[in-house]
Amino acid sequence: MNIEKIAKNAFYVLIGISVIVFIMFFIGFDRAWEENIKMNDPQFLDVLLIWTIVLLVAATVAALCSFIMYVKEWGFSKSFIYTWGLPIVTLAIGAAIGFANKDEHFLINKKDWNVPSDIVITDACITSIGILLVIALGCIVFSLFKGFKK
């Protein structure tokens, strides 16, 4: 079995597990908390958090291995700056937005939450995800149109 087929199968397994965990979380999300029925008690939140940590660690290891292999093979080039600089720039933009809005408030289970570090980290991650999503969609559309020209 070649590496491409192994990676493809592993990807399908990870997507399948992620979908199952996500469905489990949303099925048990609207349950009332026994101690205070006005609050939510998501039943599978711990499973979702553990799976998220597993995926985060796996993605971090894969990114670091990819970074090391890339630098070993090609060194620092223009495409290196684009590939690795873009996520860093988007996180920096998100952090700047987070610092600008650190006085925001979360409303979690009808409780006001205003921890500036949480606001900055949340804004940094959400903004980075949004920017990278727009760029990824733009690349997909560009590749589709480029393929039609041939």
N, C-alpha and C. Protein backbone atom coordinates (compact mmCIF):
# COMPACT_ATOMS: atom_id res chain seq x y z
N MET A 1 0.85 -1.18 0.00
CA MET A 1 0.00 0.00 0.00
C MET A 1 0.90 1.24 0.00
N ASN A 2 0.63 2.15 -0.91
CA ASN A 2 1.48 3.34 -0.99
C ASN A 2 1.05 4.40 0.02
N ILE A 3 1.92 5.37 0.20
CA ILE A 3 1.70 6.39 1.23
C ILE A 3 0.46 7.24 0.94
N GLU A 4 0.17 7.47 -0.33
CA GLU A 4 -0.99 8.28 -0.69
C GLU A 4 -2.29 7.59 -0.28
N LYS A 5 -2.36 6.29 -0.49
CA LYS A 5 -3.56 5.54 -0.12
C LYS A 5 -3.71 5.47 1.40
N ILE A 6 -2.61 5.31 2.12
CA ILE A 6 -2.65 5.30 3.58
C ILE A 6 -3.13 6.65 4.11
N ALA A 7 -2.59 7.73 3.56
CA ALA A 7 -2.98 9.06 3.99
C ALA A 7 -4.46 9.33 3.69
N LYS A 8 -4.90 8.88 2.53
CA LYS A 8 -6.30 9.07 2.15
C LYS A 8 -7.23 8.32 3.11
N ASN A 9 -6.89 7.07 3.42
CA ASN A 9 -7.71 6.29 4.36
C ASN A 9 -7.69 6.89 5.76
N ALA A 10 -6.52 7.33 6.21
CA ALA A 10 -6.42 7.97 7.53
C ALA A 10 -7.26 9.24 7.57
N PHE A 11 -7.25 10.01 6.49
CA PHE A 11 -8.04 11.23 6.41
C PHE A 11 -9.53 10.91 6.53
N TYR A 12 -9.99 9.88 5.81
CA TYR A 12 -11.41 9.49 5.88
C TYR A 12 -11.79 9.02 7.29
N VAL A 13 -10.91 8.30 7.95
CA VAL A 13 -11.18 7.84 9.31
C VAL A 13 -11.28 9.04 10.26
N LEU A 14 -10.35 9.99 10.15
CA LEU A 14 -10.39 11.18 11.01
C LEU A 14 -11.64 12.01 10.75
N ILE A 15 -12.02 12.17 9.50
CA ILE A 15 -13.25 12.91 9.19
C ILE A 15 -14.46 12.18 9.77
N GLY A 16 -14.51 10.86 9.63
CA GLY A 16 -15.62 10.08 10.17
C GLY A 16 -15.74 10.22 11.68
N ILE A 17 -14.62 10.10 12.38
CA ILE A 17 -14.63 10.25 13.84
C ILE A 17 -15.06 11.66 14.21
N SER A 18 -14.57 12.66 13.50
CA SER A 18 -14.93 14.05 13.78
C SER A 18 -16.42 14.28 13.61
N VAL A 19 -17.00 13.73 12.55
CA VAL A 19 -18.44 13.89 12.31
C VAL A 19 -19.24 13.22 13.43
N ILE A 20 -18.84 12.03 13.83
CA ILE A 20 -19.54 11.32 14.91
C ILE A 20 -19.46 12.10 16.21
N VAL A 21 -18.28 12.59 16.57
CA VAL A 21 -18.12 13.37 17.80
C VAL A 21 -18.94 14.65 17.74
N PHE A 22 -18.95 15.31 16.60
CA PHE A 22 -19.72 16.55 16.44
C PHE A 22 -21.22 16.28 16.58
N ILE A 23 -21.71 15.21 15.99
CA ILE A 23 -23.13 14.86 16.10
C ILE A 23 -23.47 14.50 17.55
N MET A 24 -22.60 13.74 18.21
CA MET A 24 -22.83 13.40 19.62
C MET A 24 -22.93 14.65 20.48
N PHE A 25 -22.06 15.64 20.21
CA PHE A 25 -22.07 16.87 20.99
C PHE A 25 -23.38 17.62 20.80
N PHE A 26 -23.84 17.75 19.57
CA PHE A 26 -25.05 18.52 19.32
C PHE A 26 -26.32 17.80 19.77
N ILE A 27 -26.31 16.47 19.77
CA ILE A 27 -27.48 15.74 20.27
C ILE A 27 -27.65 15.99 21.76
N GLY A 28 -26.57 16.02 22.52
CA GLY A 28 -26.65 16.21 23.97
C GLY A 28 -26.46 17.63 24.43
N PHE A 29 -26.50 18.61 23.51
CA PHE A 29 -26.15 19.98 23.89
C PHE A 29 -27.23 20.68 24.70
N ASP A 30 -28.49 20.52 24.36
CA ASP A 30 -29.56 21.30 24.98
C ASP A 30 -30.12 20.68 26.26
N ARG A 31 -29.39 19.80 26.85
CA ARG A 31 -29.87 19.23 28.11
C ARG A 31 -29.69 20.23 29.23
N ALA A 32 -30.68 20.28 30.10
CA ALA A 32 -30.60 21.22 31.23
C ALA A 32 -29.67 20.66 32.30
N TRP A 33 -28.97 21.55 32.95
CA TRP A 33 -28.07 21.17 34.03
C TRP A 33 -28.91 20.86 35.27
N GLU A 34 -28.66 19.75 35.95
CA GLU A 34 -29.49 19.33 37.07
C GLU A 34 -29.47 20.33 38.22
N GLU A 35 -28.32 20.94 38.49
CA GLU A 35 -28.22 21.86 39.62
C GLU A 35 -28.88 23.21 39.34
N ASN A 36 -28.94 23.60 38.08
CA ASN A 36 -29.58 24.86 37.70
C ASN A 36 -30.16 24.66 36.31
N ILE A 37 -31.45 24.42 36.22
CA ILE A 37 -32.07 24.04 34.96
C ILE A 37 -32.06 25.17 33.92
N LYS A 38 -31.69 26.37 34.32
CA LYS A 38 -31.61 27.48 33.37
C LYS A 38 -30.30 27.44 32.57
N MET A 39 -29.38 26.57 32.96
CA MET A 39 -28.08 26.47 32.29
C MET A 39 -28.00 25.19 31.47
N ASN A 40 -27.17 25.21 30.42
CA ASN A 40 -26.95 24.03 29.58
C ASN A 40 -25.89 23.13 30.21
N ASP A 41 -26.04 21.85 29.97
CA ASP A 41 -25.06 20.86 30.40
C ASP A 41 -24.76 19.94 29.22
N PRO A 42 -23.89 20.37 28.31
CA PRO A 42 -23.59 19.52 27.14
C PRO A 42 -23.02 18.18 27.59
N GLN A 43 -23.67 17.10 27.17
CA GLN A 43 -23.31 15.76 27.64
C GLN A 43 -21.97 15.27 27.10
N PHE A 44 -21.62 15.61 25.89
CA PHE A 44 -20.41 15.07 25.29
C PHE A 44 -19.35 16.15 25.06
N LEU A 45 -19.38 17.18 25.89
CA LEU A 45 -18.39 18.25 25.76
C LEU A 45 -16.98 17.72 26.02
N ASP A 46 -16.83 16.85 27.00
CA ASP A 46 -15.50 16.30 27.29
C ASP A 46 -14.95 15.49 26.12
N VAL A 47 -15.81 14.73 25.45
CA VAL A 47 -15.37 13.97 24.27
C VAL A 47 -14.94 14.92 23.16
N LEU A 48 -15.72 15.97 22.94
CA LEU A 48 -15.39 16.96 21.92
C LEU A 48 -14.06 17.65 22.23
N LEU A 49 -13.85 18.03 23.48
CA LEU A 49 -12.61 18.70 23.87
C LEU A 49 -11.40 17.77 23.73
N ILE A 50 -11.55 16.53 24.15
CA ILE A 50 -10.43 15.58 24.03
C ILE A 50 -10.10 15.34 22.56
N TRP A 51 -11.13 15.16 21.71
CA TRP A 51 -10.89 14.95 20.28
C TRP A 51 -10.24 16.18 19.65
N THR A 52 -10.66 17.36 20.09
CA THR A 52 -10.06 18.59 19.58
C THR A 52 -8.58 18.67 19.96
N ILE A 53 -8.25 18.29 21.18
CA ILE A 53 -6.85 18.30 21.62
C ILE A 53 -6.04 17.28 20.82
N VAL A 54 -6.60 16.10 20.59
CA VAL A 54 -5.91 15.07 19.79
C VAL A 54 -5.61 15.61 18.39
N LEU A 55 -6.63 16.22 17.76
CA LEU A 55 -6.43 16.76 16.41
C LEU A 55 -5.43 17.92 16.41
N LEU A 56 -5.48 18.76 17.45
CA LEU A 56 -4.54 19.88 17.54
C LEU A 56 -3.11 19.39 17.67
N VAL A 57 -2.89 18.40 18.52
CA VAL A 57 -1.54 17.85 18.69
C VAL A 57 -1.06 17.20 17.38
N ALA A 58 -1.94 16.44 16.74
CA ALA A 58 -1.57 15.79 15.47
C ALA A 58 -1.25 16.83 14.40
N ALA A 59 -2.06 17.88 14.32
CA ALA A 59 -1.81 18.93 13.33
C ALA A 59 -0.50 19.67 13.63
N THR A 60 -0.22 19.91 14.90
CA THR A 60 1.02 20.60 15.27
C THR A 60 2.24 19.75 14.92
N VAL A 61 2.17 18.46 15.22
CA VAL A 61 3.29 17.56 14.89
C VAL A 61 3.47 17.49 13.38
N ALA A 62 2.36 17.37 12.64
CA ALA A 62 2.45 17.30 11.18
C ALA A 62 3.01 18.60 10.60
N ALA A 63 2.59 19.73 11.14
CA ALA A 63 3.10 21.02 10.65
C ALA A 63 4.59 21.18 10.93
N LEU A 64 5.03 20.79 12.12
CA LEU A 64 6.45 20.90 12.45
C LEU A 64 7.29 19.95 11.59
N CYS A 65 6.81 18.74 11.40
CA CYS A 65 7.54 17.79 10.54
C CYS A 65 7.60 18.30 9.11
N SER A 66 6.48 18.84 8.63
CA SER A 66 6.45 19.40 7.27
C SER A 66 7.41 20.57 7.15
N PHE A 67 7.44 21.42 8.15
CA PHE A 67 8.33 22.59 8.16
C PHE A 67 9.79 22.13 8.09
N ILE A 68 10.14 21.18 8.92
CA ILE A 68 11.53 20.70 8.96
C ILE A 68 11.92 20.04 7.64
N MET A 69 11.04 19.21 7.10
CA MET A 69 11.33 18.54 5.83
C MET A 69 11.43 19.54 4.68
N TYR A 70 10.59 20.57 4.69
CA TYR A 70 10.61 21.59 3.64
C TYR A 70 11.94 22.35 3.67
N VAL A 71 12.34 22.77 4.86
CA VAL A 71 13.59 23.53 4.98
C VAL A 71 14.79 22.67 4.61
N LYS A 72 14.78 21.41 4.98
CA LYS A 72 15.89 20.51 4.63
C LYS A 72 16.00 20.34 3.11
N GLU A 73 14.86 20.21 2.45
CA GLU A 73 14.89 19.92 1.02
C GLU A 73 15.12 21.17 0.17
N TRP A 74 14.41 22.25 0.46
CA TRP A 74 14.49 23.42 -0.42
C TRP A 74 15.08 24.66 0.23
N GLY A 75 15.26 24.66 1.53
CA GLY A 75 15.78 25.85 2.20
C GLY A 75 14.72 26.94 2.27
N PHE A 76 15.17 28.14 2.51
CA PHE A 76 14.26 29.27 2.61
C PHE A 76 14.10 29.91 1.24
N SER A 77 12.88 29.92 0.73
CA SER A 77 12.61 30.49 -0.58
C SER A 77 11.38 31.39 -0.51
N LYS A 78 11.02 31.95 -1.64
CA LYS A 78 9.84 32.82 -1.69
C LYS A 78 8.57 32.04 -1.35
N SER A 79 8.44 30.85 -1.88
CA SER A 79 7.25 30.05 -1.57
C SER A 79 7.23 29.64 -0.10
N PHE A 80 8.41 29.50 0.50
CA PHE A 80 8.49 29.21 1.94
C PHE A 80 7.85 30.34 2.74
N ILE A 81 8.16 31.56 2.36
CA ILE A 81 7.60 32.72 3.06
C ILE A 81 6.09 32.76 2.92
N TYR A 82 5.57 32.48 1.72
CA TYR A 82 4.12 32.47 1.52
C TYR A 82 3.47 31.33 2.31
N THR A 83 4.06 30.17 2.25
CA THR A 83 3.47 28.99 2.88
C THR A 83 3.42 29.12 4.40
N TRP A 84 4.51 29.54 4.99
CA TRP A 84 4.58 29.58 6.45
C TRP A 84 4.30 30.96 7.02
N GLY A 85 4.46 31.99 6.22
CA GLY A 85 4.22 33.34 6.72
C GLY A 85 2.75 33.70 6.79
N LEU A 86 1.95 33.16 5.87
CA LEU A 86 0.53 33.50 5.82
C LEU A 86 -0.22 33.17 7.11
N PRO A 87 -0.10 31.96 7.65
CA PRO A 87 -0.79 31.69 8.92
C PRO A 87 -0.31 32.58 10.06
N ILE A 88 0.99 32.87 10.08
CA ILE A 88 1.53 33.73 11.14
C ILE A 88 0.97 35.14 11.01
N VAL A 89 0.90 35.65 9.80
CA VAL A 89 0.36 36.99 9.58
C VAL A 89 -1.12 37.04 9.96
N THR A 90 -1.89 36.01 9.58
CA THR A 90 -3.31 36.03 9.92
C THR A 90 -3.52 35.95 11.43
N LEU A 91 -2.70 35.17 12.14
CA LEU A 91 -2.80 35.14 13.60
C LEU A 91 -2.42 36.48 14.21
N ALA A 92 -1.42 37.15 13.63
CA ALA A 92 -1.03 38.47 14.13
C ALA A 92 -2.16 39.49 13.91
N ILE A 93 -2.82 39.43 12.75
CA ILE A 93 -3.95 40.32 12.49
C ILE A 93 -5.07 40.04 13.50
N GLY A 94 -5.36 38.76 13.72
CA GLY A 94 -6.39 38.40 14.70
C GLY A 94 -6.05 38.85 16.10
N ALA A 95 -4.77 38.71 16.48
CA ALA A 95 -4.35 39.16 17.81
C ALA A 95 -4.48 40.67 17.94
N ALA A 96 -4.16 41.40 16.87
CA ALA A 96 -4.32 42.87 16.90
C ALA A 96 -5.79 43.24 17.08
N ILE A 97 -6.67 42.54 16.36
CA ILE A 97 -8.10 42.79 16.52
C ILE A 97 -8.54 42.43 17.94
N GLY A 98 -8.01 41.33 18.46
CA GLY A 98 -8.34 40.92 19.83
C GLY A 98 -7.89 41.94 20.86
N PHE A 99 -6.67 42.48 20.69
CA PHE A 99 -6.20 43.51 21.62
C PHE A 99 -7.04 44.78 21.51
N ALA A 100 -7.49 45.09 20.30
CA ALA A 100 -8.33 46.28 20.12
C ALA A 100 -9.70 46.11 20.75
N ASN A 101 -10.17 44.87 20.84
CA ASN A 101 -11.50 44.60 21.37
C ASN A 101 -11.46 43.81 22.68
N LYS A 102 -10.42 43.98 23.46
CA LYS A 102 -10.29 43.16 24.67
C LYS A 102 -11.31 43.48 25.75
N ASP A 103 -12.07 44.54 25.55
CA ASP A 103 -13.12 44.89 26.51
C ASP A 103 -14.47 44.29 26.15
N GLU A 104 -14.50 43.41 25.14
CA GLU A 104 -15.74 42.73 24.77
C GLU A 104 -16.19 41.81 25.90
N HIS A 105 -17.42 41.32 25.78
CA HIS A 105 -17.97 40.41 26.78
C HIS A 105 -18.53 39.18 26.08
N PHE A 106 -18.28 38.02 26.66
CA PHE A 106 -18.95 36.80 26.24
C PHE A 106 -20.14 36.61 27.15
N LEU A 107 -21.18 35.99 26.64
CA LEU A 107 -22.31 35.60 27.46
C LEU A 107 -22.37 34.08 27.41
N ILE A 108 -21.88 33.45 28.47
CA ILE A 108 -21.80 31.99 28.53
C ILE A 108 -22.73 31.51 29.63
N ASN A 109 -23.74 30.74 29.25
CA ASN A 109 -24.75 30.27 30.21
C ASN A 109 -25.31 31.42 31.03
N LYS A 110 -25.62 32.49 30.34
CA LYS A 110 -26.21 33.70 30.94
C LYS A 110 -25.31 34.34 31.99
N LYS A 111 -24.00 34.05 31.90
CA LYS A 111 -23.02 34.65 32.80
C LYS A 111 -22.08 35.51 31.97
N ASP A 112 -21.86 36.72 32.42
CA ASP A 112 -20.97 37.63 31.70
C ASP A 112 -19.52 37.17 31.89
N TRP A 113 -18.79 37.06 30.78
CA TRP A 113 -17.41 36.59 30.81
C TRP A 113 -16.54 37.63 30.14
N ASN A 114 -15.65 38.24 30.88
CA ASN A 114 -14.77 39.26 30.32
C ASN A 114 -13.35 39.04 30.84
N VAL A 115 -12.67 38.09 30.23
CA VAL A 115 -11.26 37.85 30.53
C VAL A 115 -10.49 38.27 29.29
N PRO A 116 -9.73 39.38 29.37
CA PRO A 116 -9.07 39.91 28.17
C PRO A 116 -8.22 38.89 27.41
N SER A 117 -7.51 38.03 28.12
CA SER A 117 -6.67 37.04 27.41
C SER A 117 -7.53 36.07 26.60
N ASP A 118 -8.67 35.68 27.13
CA ASP A 118 -9.58 34.80 26.39
C ASP A 118 -10.13 35.49 25.16
N ILE A 119 -10.45 36.77 25.30
CA ILE A 119 -10.99 37.54 24.17
C ILE A 119 -9.93 37.64 23.06
N VAL A 120 -8.69 37.95 23.43
CA VAL A 120 -7.62 38.10 22.44
C VAL A 120 -7.36 36.77 21.73
N ILE A 121 -7.26 35.68 22.48
CA ILE A 121 -7.00 34.37 21.87
C ILE A 121 -8.16 33.97 20.96
N THR A 122 -9.38 34.17 21.41
CA THR A 122 -10.55 33.81 20.60
C THR A 122 -10.59 34.63 19.32
N ASP A 123 -10.41 35.94 19.44
CA ASP A 123 -10.42 36.79 18.24
C ASP A 123 -9.29 36.42 17.29
N ALA A 124 -8.11 36.12 17.83
CA ALA A 124 -6.98 35.75 16.97
C ALA A 124 -7.29 34.49 16.18
N CYS A 125 -7.83 33.49 16.85
CA CYS A 125 -8.11 32.22 16.17
C CYS A 125 -9.25 32.36 15.18
N ILE A 126 -10.34 33.01 15.58
CA ILE A 126 -11.50 33.13 14.69
C ILE A 126 -11.16 33.99 13.47
N THR A 127 -10.45 35.08 13.68
CA THR A 127 -10.07 35.93 12.55
C THR A 127 -9.13 35.19 11.61
N SER A 128 -8.16 34.47 12.17
CA SER A 128 -7.23 33.69 11.35
C SER A 128 -7.97 32.64 10.54
N ILE A 129 -8.91 31.94 11.16
CA ILE A 129 -9.69 30.93 10.45
C ILE A 129 -10.48 31.57 9.32
N GLY A 130 -11.10 32.72 9.59
CA GLY A 130 -11.88 33.41 8.56
C GLY A 130 -11.03 33.85 7.38
N ILE A 131 -9.89 34.45 7.66
CA ILE A 131 -9.00 34.92 6.58
C ILE A 131 -8.49 33.73 5.75
N LEU A 132 -8.04 32.68 6.43
CA LEU A 132 -7.53 31.51 5.72
C LEU A 132 -8.64 30.81 4.93
N LEU A 133 -9.87 30.83 5.44
CA LEU A 133 -10.99 30.25 4.71
C LEU A 133 -11.26 31.02 3.42
N VAL A 134 -11.25 32.34 3.50
CA VAL A 134 -11.47 33.16 2.30
C VAL A 134 -10.35 32.91 1.29
N ILE A 135 -9.11 32.84 1.76
CA ILE A 135 -7.98 32.58 0.85
C ILE A 135 -8.11 31.19 0.22
N ALA A 136 -8.47 30.19 1.03
CA ALA A 136 -8.61 28.82 0.50
C ALA A 136 -9.73 28.76 -0.54
N LEU A 137 -10.85 29.41 -0.26
CA LEU A 137 -11.95 29.44 -1.24
C LEU A 137 -11.51 30.17 -2.51
N GLY A 138 -10.77 31.26 -2.36
CA GLY A 138 -10.25 31.97 -3.52
C GLY A 138 -9.33 31.09 -4.36
N CYS A 139 -8.48 30.32 -3.69
CA CYS A 139 -7.57 29.41 -4.41
C CYS A 139 -8.35 28.31 -5.14
N ILE A 140 -9.40 27.81 -4.51
CA ILE A 140 -10.22 26.78 -5.16
C ILE A 140 -10.89 27.34 -6.41
N VAL A 141 -11.49 28.53 -6.28
CA VAL A 141 -12.15 29.15 -7.44
C VAL A 141 -11.12 29.44 -8.53
N PHE A 142 -9.96 29.95 -8.14
CA PHE A 142 -8.90 30.24 -9.12
C PHE A 142 -8.47 28.97 -9.85
N SER A 143 -8.28 27.89 -9.09
CA SER A 143 -7.84 26.63 -9.73
C SER A 143 -8.93 26.07 -10.64
N LEU A 144 -10.20 26.27 -10.29
CA LEU A 144 -11.27 25.81 -11.15
C LEU A 144 -11.26 26.56 -12.47
N PHE A 145 -11.15 27.89 -12.39
CA PHE A 145 -11.13 28.69 -13.61
C PHE A 145 -9.87 28.44 -14.43
N LYS A 146 -8.76 28.22 -13.77
CA LYS A 146 -7.52 27.92 -14.48
C LYS A 146 -7.64 26.59 -15.20
N GLY A 147 -8.34 25.62 -14.58
CA GLY A 147 -8.54 24.31 -15.22
C GLY A 147 -9.47 24.40 -16.41
N PHE A 148 -10.44 25.33 -16.39
CA PHE A 148 -11.36 25.47 -17.52
C PHE A 148 -10.69 26.08 -18.73
N LYS A 149 -9.63 26.89 -18.51
CA LYS A 149 -8.95 27.54 -19.64
C LYS A 149 -8.18 26.55 -20.48
N LYS A 150 -7.77 25.42 -19.92
CA LYS A 150 -6.99 24.43 -20.66
C LYS A 150 -7.86 23.76 -21.62
